[in-house]
Amino acid sequence: MSSSTLIAWKRMTSEEYSERSEAAHEVLGILVFFVVCTWGIMIIEQVEKKKPKLYYTIAGILTMSAGVFLGCWIFALPGANINLIKSDLVQLQHLAMAFLLITAGLCELFYLQIAHSLWLHDLWFLNLTSVGILFFKSSSSSI
């Protein structure tokens, strides 16, 4: 855990924070796994010709769920408030990832609604790529 996280979240021990963080990463990992599975099925079965709306809807809902969960997790931490979150780089990164995941999920949901608008799919890609970059370069990765 970064020193800023330890200073900011005085109401939890390092072990408590680590346990909560690990649990949150497991939930997010499961949601991302199911998004990947959904896309895998779409590619293997060439869903574009069959039931694309169902699979885009599933992928969109799962992606949005990951974002909503992450955003709620931040505010569910003991003593969480906006000033504390703004002072903690790790939580700001989590908040950014939550926003990007929600936006990517919305892109999936609206992609078929707006006649296969390519710009929406490009926006979906940019949002998920940004989440990956933030996750890869996360300040908590130096723990």
Protein backbone atom coordinates (compact mmCIF):
# COMPACT_ATOMS: atom_id res chain seq x y z
CA MET A 1 0.00 0.00 0.00
CA SER A 2 1.30 3.46 -0.84
CA SER A 3 2.18 5.82 1.98
CA SER A 4 -0.55 8.24 0.87
CA THR A 5 -3.09 5.44 1.21
CA LEU A 6 -1.86 4.60 4.71
CA ILE A 7 -2.03 8.24 5.77
CA ALA A 8 -5.46 8.83 4.22
CA TRP A 9 -7.22 5.71 5.49
CA LYS A 10 -6.31 5.87 9.18
CA ARG A 11 -9.46 3.97 10.13
CA MET A 12 -8.10 0.70 8.67
CA THR A 13 -4.99 -1.27 9.34
CA SER A 14 -2.78 -2.16 6.43
CA GLU A 15 -4.04 -5.76 6.67
CA GLU A 16 -7.70 -4.69 6.59
CA TYR A 17 -7.13 -2.52 3.55
CA SER A 18 -5.23 -5.32 1.80
CA GLU A 19 -8.03 -7.82 2.49
CA ARG A 20 -10.69 -5.46 1.14
CA SER A 21 -8.56 -4.62 -1.86
CA GLU A 22 -7.98 -8.29 -2.64
CA ALA A 23 -11.70 -9.04 -2.42
CA ALA A 24 -12.50 -6.13 -4.74
CA HIS A 25 -9.90 -7.29 -7.27
CA GLU A 26 -11.42 -10.78 -7.21
CA VAL A 27 -14.92 -9.45 -7.95
CA LEU A 28 -13.61 -7.24 -10.75
CA GLY A 29 -11.56 -10.14 -12.12
CA ILE A 30 -14.65 -12.35 -12.27
CA LEU A 31 -16.65 -9.65 -14.08
CA VAL A 32 -13.85 -9.07 -16.58
CA PHE A 33 -13.51 -12.86 -17.09
CA PHE A 34 -17.19 -13.06 -18.04
CA VAL A 35 -16.86 -10.10 -20.42
CA VAL A 36 -13.96 -11.89 -22.12
CA CYS A 37 -16.01 -15.11 -22.28
CA THR A 38 -18.92 -13.22 -23.83
CA TRP A 39 -16.64 -11.74 -26.48
CA GLY A 40 -15.03 -15.14 -27.05
CA ILE A 41 -18.43 -16.68 -27.74
CA MET A 42 -19.27 -13.81 -30.09
CA ILE A 43 -16.09 -14.37 -32.08
CA ILE A 44 -16.22 -18.17 -32.17
CA GLU A 45 -19.89 -18.39 -33.07
CA GLN A 46 -19.85 -15.38 -35.38
CA VAL A 47 -22.70 -13.86 -33.44
CA GLU A 48 -22.93 -10.86 -35.78
CA LYS A 49 -25.05 -13.10 -38.00
CA LYS A 50 -27.21 -14.55 -35.18
CA LYS A 51 -28.04 -12.73 -31.92
CA PRO A 52 -25.67 -9.79 -31.59
CA LYS A 53 -28.00 -7.69 -29.43
CA LEU A 54 -28.03 -10.28 -26.64
CA TYR A 55 -24.24 -10.56 -26.46
CA TYR A 56 -23.55 -6.83 -26.73
CA THR A 57 -26.13 -6.29 -23.97
CA ILE A 58 -24.50 -8.91 -21.72
CA ALA A 59 -21.02 -7.49 -22.32
CA GLY A 60 -22.27 -3.94 -21.73
CA ILE A 61 -24.05 -4.80 -18.49
CA LEU A 62 -21.07 -6.75 -17.14
CA THR A 63 -18.66 -3.93 -18.01
CA MET A 64 -20.92 -1.30 -16.46
CA SER A 65 -21.35 -3.51 -13.37
CA ALA A 66 -17.59 -3.61 -12.93
CA GLY A 67 -17.47 0.19 -13.07
CA VAL A 68 -20.38 0.67 -10.67
CA PHE A 69 -18.91 -1.87 -8.24
CA LEU A 70 -15.52 -0.16 -8.30
CA GLY A 71 -17.03 3.29 -7.78
CA CYS A 72 -19.20 2.05 -4.90
CA TRP A 73 -16.27 0.18 -3.34
CA ILE A 74 -14.30 3.40 -3.00
CA PHE A 75 -17.10 5.16 -1.14
CA ALA A 76 -17.82 2.08 1.03
CA LEU A 77 -14.39 2.23 2.66
CA PRO A 78 -14.52 3.31 6.32
CA GLY A 79 -14.37 7.08 6.63
CA ALA A 80 -14.61 7.65 2.89
CA ASN A 81 -15.48 11.14 1.78
CA ILE A 82 -14.76 13.12 -1.35
CA ASN A 83 -11.90 15.10 0.22
CA LEU A 84 -10.18 11.93 1.40
CA ILE A 85 -10.63 10.30 -1.98
CA LYS A 86 -9.26 13.38 -3.79
CA SER A 87 -6.13 13.23 -1.62
CA ASP A 88 -5.39 9.57 -2.44
CA LEU A 89 -3.92 8.85 -5.88
CA VAL A 90 -4.89 5.16 -5.74
CA GLN A 91 -8.54 5.98 -5.12
CA LEU A 92 -8.52 8.64 -7.84
CA GLN A 93 -7.22 5.99 -10.25
CA HIS A 94 -9.97 3.63 -9.11
CA LEU A 95 -12.54 6.38 -9.65
CA ALA A 96 -11.18 7.04 -13.16
CA MET A 97 -11.30 3.31 -13.96
CA ALA A 98 -14.90 3.13 -12.69
CA PHE A 99 -15.92 6.01 -14.97
CA LEU A 100 -14.13 4.46 -17.96
CA LEU A 101 -15.73 1.04 -17.36
CA ILE A 102 -19.21 2.57 -17.08
CA THR A 103 -18.62 4.55 -20.28
CA ALA A 104 -17.35 1.42 -22.10
CA GLY A 105 -20.41 -0.52 -20.94
CA LEU A 106 -22.72 2.22 -22.22
CA CYS A 107 -20.92 2.11 -25.57
CA GLU A 108 -21.62 -1.62 -25.78
CA LEU A 109 -25.28 -1.13 -24.92
CA PHE A 110 -25.80 1.63 -27.48
CA TYR A 111 -23.61 0.22 -30.27
CA LEU A 112 -26.43 -1.77 -31.86
CA GLN A 113 -29.06 0.86 -31.04
CA ILE A 114 -27.34 3.47 -33.20
CA ALA A 115 -26.97 1.39 -36.38
CA HIS A 116 -23.51 -0.03 -35.69
CA SER A 117 -21.93 3.41 -35.20
CA LEU A 118 -18.23 2.75 -35.57
CA TRP A 119 -17.30 5.77 -33.43
CA LEU A 120 -19.08 4.11 -30.47
CA HIS A 121 -17.02 0.97 -30.90
CA ASP A 122 -13.87 3.09 -31.15
CA LEU A 123 -14.87 4.87 -27.93
CA TRP A 124 -15.46 1.48 -26.26
CA PHE A 125 -11.95 0.40 -27.28
CA LEU A 126 -10.35 3.64 -26.05
CA ASN A 127 -12.09 3.37 -22.67
CA LEU A 128 -11.02 -0.23 -22.07
CA THR A 129 -7.50 0.50 -23.27
CA SER A 130 -7.33 3.41 -20.83
CA VAL A 131 -8.45 1.11 -17.99
CA GLY A 132 -5.71 -1.34 -18.94
CA ILE A 133 -3.06 1.38 -18.99
CA LEU A 134 -4.20 2.77 -15.63
CA PHE A 135 -4.22 -0.72 -14.15
CA PHE A 136 -0.79 -1.52 -15.55
CA LYS A 137 0.73 1.76 -14.37
CA SER A 138 -1.24 1.91 -11.11
CA SER A 139 0.51 3.55 -8.19
CA SER A 140 -0.50 0.54 -6.07
CA SER A 141 1.58 -1.75 -8.32
CA SER A 142 4.71 -0.59 -6.46
CA ILE A 143 3.55 -2.21 -3.23
